[in-house]
Amino acid sequence: MTRIVLLLLVLAGCQAKPTTSSVTFVPDLEGILVLPHDKRIDFGRSPMGVVPILDREMGMRKVRSLSGCPADITARYQWGDLVLSFTPERFVGWRKGARSQGLTCAS
């Protein structure tokens, strides 16, 4: 019985902690501005250089459907109200609410 209680306590300590980030992602004409660091995630960047950063700072992405997308778009991921579009090799567009830039999907 003691082992079960200890195991449960250990497992309880392994729960993922909520992500709180001091970084703000600001979509713009060239991609995304990263504040307060004045760094950028510009269109054309590899998905491997974009997705892990947003996952780390904003939590795990949600995979979106490719319905209504141009044939070039092969992946869409969402963090909160920010949706990014990718070809196999490049970050190509974003949508946030009614605003969008680059290559995006109709829906």
Protein backbone atom coordinates (compact mmCIF):
# COMPACT_ATOMS: atom_id res chain seq x y z
CA MET A 1 0.00 0.00 0.00
CA THR A 2 2.84 2.40 0.84
CA ARG A 3 4.43 1.76 -2.56
CA ILE A 4 1.19 2.65 -4.33
CA VAL A 5 0.92 5.92 -2.41
CA LEU A 6 4.55 6.77 -3.21
CA LEU A 7 4.02 5.95 -6.88
CA LEU A 8 0.96 8.19 -7.03
CA LEU A 9 2.88 11.04 -5.41
CA VAL A 10 5.73 10.67 -7.89
CA LEU A 11 3.32 10.59 -10.84
CA ALA A 12 1.47 13.66 -9.54
CA GLY A 13 4.76 15.55 -9.58
CA CYS A 14 5.29 14.63 -13.25
CA GLN A 15 2.24 16.50 -14.54
CA ALA A 16 2.93 19.11 -17.19
CA LYS A 17 2.99 22.61 -15.81
CA PRO A 18 0.99 25.32 -17.59
CA THR A 19 3.08 27.37 -19.96
CA THR A 20 3.49 31.03 -19.11
CA SER A 21 5.65 33.01 -21.46
CA SER A 22 6.98 36.53 -21.36
CA VAL A 23 7.29 36.40 -25.16
CA THR A 24 4.67 37.99 -27.41
CA PHE A 25 4.25 36.99 -31.06
CA VAL A 26 3.08 39.85 -33.28
CA PRO A 27 2.09 38.88 -36.84
CA ASP A 28 3.11 41.45 -39.46
CA LEU A 29 3.73 41.84 -43.20
CA GLU A 30 6.95 39.83 -43.19
CA GLY A 31 6.00 37.03 -40.77
CA ILE A 32 6.05 37.33 -36.98
CA LEU A 33 7.83 39.79 -34.70
CA VAL A 34 8.95 38.28 -31.37
CA LEU A 35 8.75 40.76 -28.48
CA PRO A 36 10.38 41.88 -26.25
CA HIS A 37 13.46 40.42 -27.98
CA ASP A 38 13.01 42.20 -31.34
CA LYS A 39 13.68 38.89 -33.10
CA ARG A 40 11.76 37.65 -36.13
CA ILE A 41 10.20 34.51 -37.55
CA ASP A 42 9.98 35.53 -41.20
CA PHE A 43 8.16 33.87 -44.06
CA GLY A 44 10.39 31.29 -45.72
CA ARG A 45 11.74 29.84 -42.48
CA SER A 46 11.74 26.07 -42.09
CA PRO A 47 8.84 24.59 -40.06
CA MET A 48 11.53 23.00 -37.84
CA GLY A 49 12.65 26.52 -36.92
CA VAL A 50 9.12 27.80 -36.21
CA VAL A 51 6.92 25.09 -34.70
CA PRO A 52 9.14 24.07 -31.73
CA ILE A 53 9.52 27.72 -30.68
CA LEU A 54 5.79 28.36 -30.61
CA ASP A 55 5.14 25.00 -28.90
CA ARG A 56 7.62 25.93 -26.19
CA GLU A 57 6.30 29.45 -25.66
CA MET A 58 2.56 28.99 -26.29
CA GLY A 59 1.90 25.33 -25.50
CA MET A 60 1.28 22.39 -27.80
CA ARG A 61 -0.12 23.25 -31.20
CA LYS A 62 -3.46 22.12 -32.58
CA VAL A 63 -3.37 20.56 -36.06
CA ARG A 64 -5.86 22.25 -38.38
CA SER A 65 -7.58 20.81 -41.44
CA LEU A 66 -6.25 21.57 -44.91
CA SER A 67 -9.79 22.10 -46.21
CA GLY A 68 -9.95 25.28 -48.31
CA CYS A 69 -6.17 25.50 -48.61
CA PRO A 70 -4.11 26.01 -51.77
CA ALA A 71 -2.35 22.83 -52.91
CA ASP A 72 1.04 24.22 -51.78
CA ILE A 73 0.02 24.24 -48.11
CA THR A 74 0.73 20.89 -46.49
CA ALA A 75 0.34 21.77 -42.80
CA ARG A 76 -1.57 24.24 -40.63
CA TYR A 77 -1.05 24.63 -36.90
CA GLN A 78 -2.88 26.74 -34.36
CA TRP A 79 -1.77 28.32 -31.08
CA GLY A 80 -4.63 30.26 -29.49
CA ASP A 81 -6.07 32.46 -32.24
CA LEU A 82 -2.86 32.36 -34.33
CA VAL A 83 -2.87 29.89 -37.25
CA LEU A 84 0.29 29.35 -39.29
CA SER A 85 0.50 27.76 -42.76
CA PHE A 86 3.42 25.73 -44.08
CA THR A 87 4.62 24.09 -47.26
CA PRO A 88 6.87 21.04 -46.72
CA GLU A 89 9.90 23.35 -46.46
CA ARG A 90 8.65 26.84 -45.52
CA PHE A 91 6.50 29.00 -43.22
CA VAL A 92 4.28 30.77 -45.76
CA GLY A 93 1.38 32.49 -44.01
CA TRP A 94 -0.51 33.39 -40.85
CA ARG A 95 -4.08 34.13 -39.85
CA LYS A 96 -5.12 35.82 -36.61
CA GLY A 97 -8.81 36.61 -36.32
CA ALA A 98 -9.88 38.52 -39.44
CA ARG A 99 -6.27 39.48 -40.32
CA SER A 100 -3.97 37.39 -42.48
CA GLN A 101 -0.76 37.65 -44.47
CA GLY A 102 1.03 35.40 -46.92
CA LEU A 103 -0.38 32.15 -48.27
CA THR A 104 -3.38 31.10 -46.14
CA CYS A 105 -6.48 28.97 -46.36
CA ALA A 106 -10.06 30.10 -46.99
CA SER A 107 -11.34 28.74 -43.69
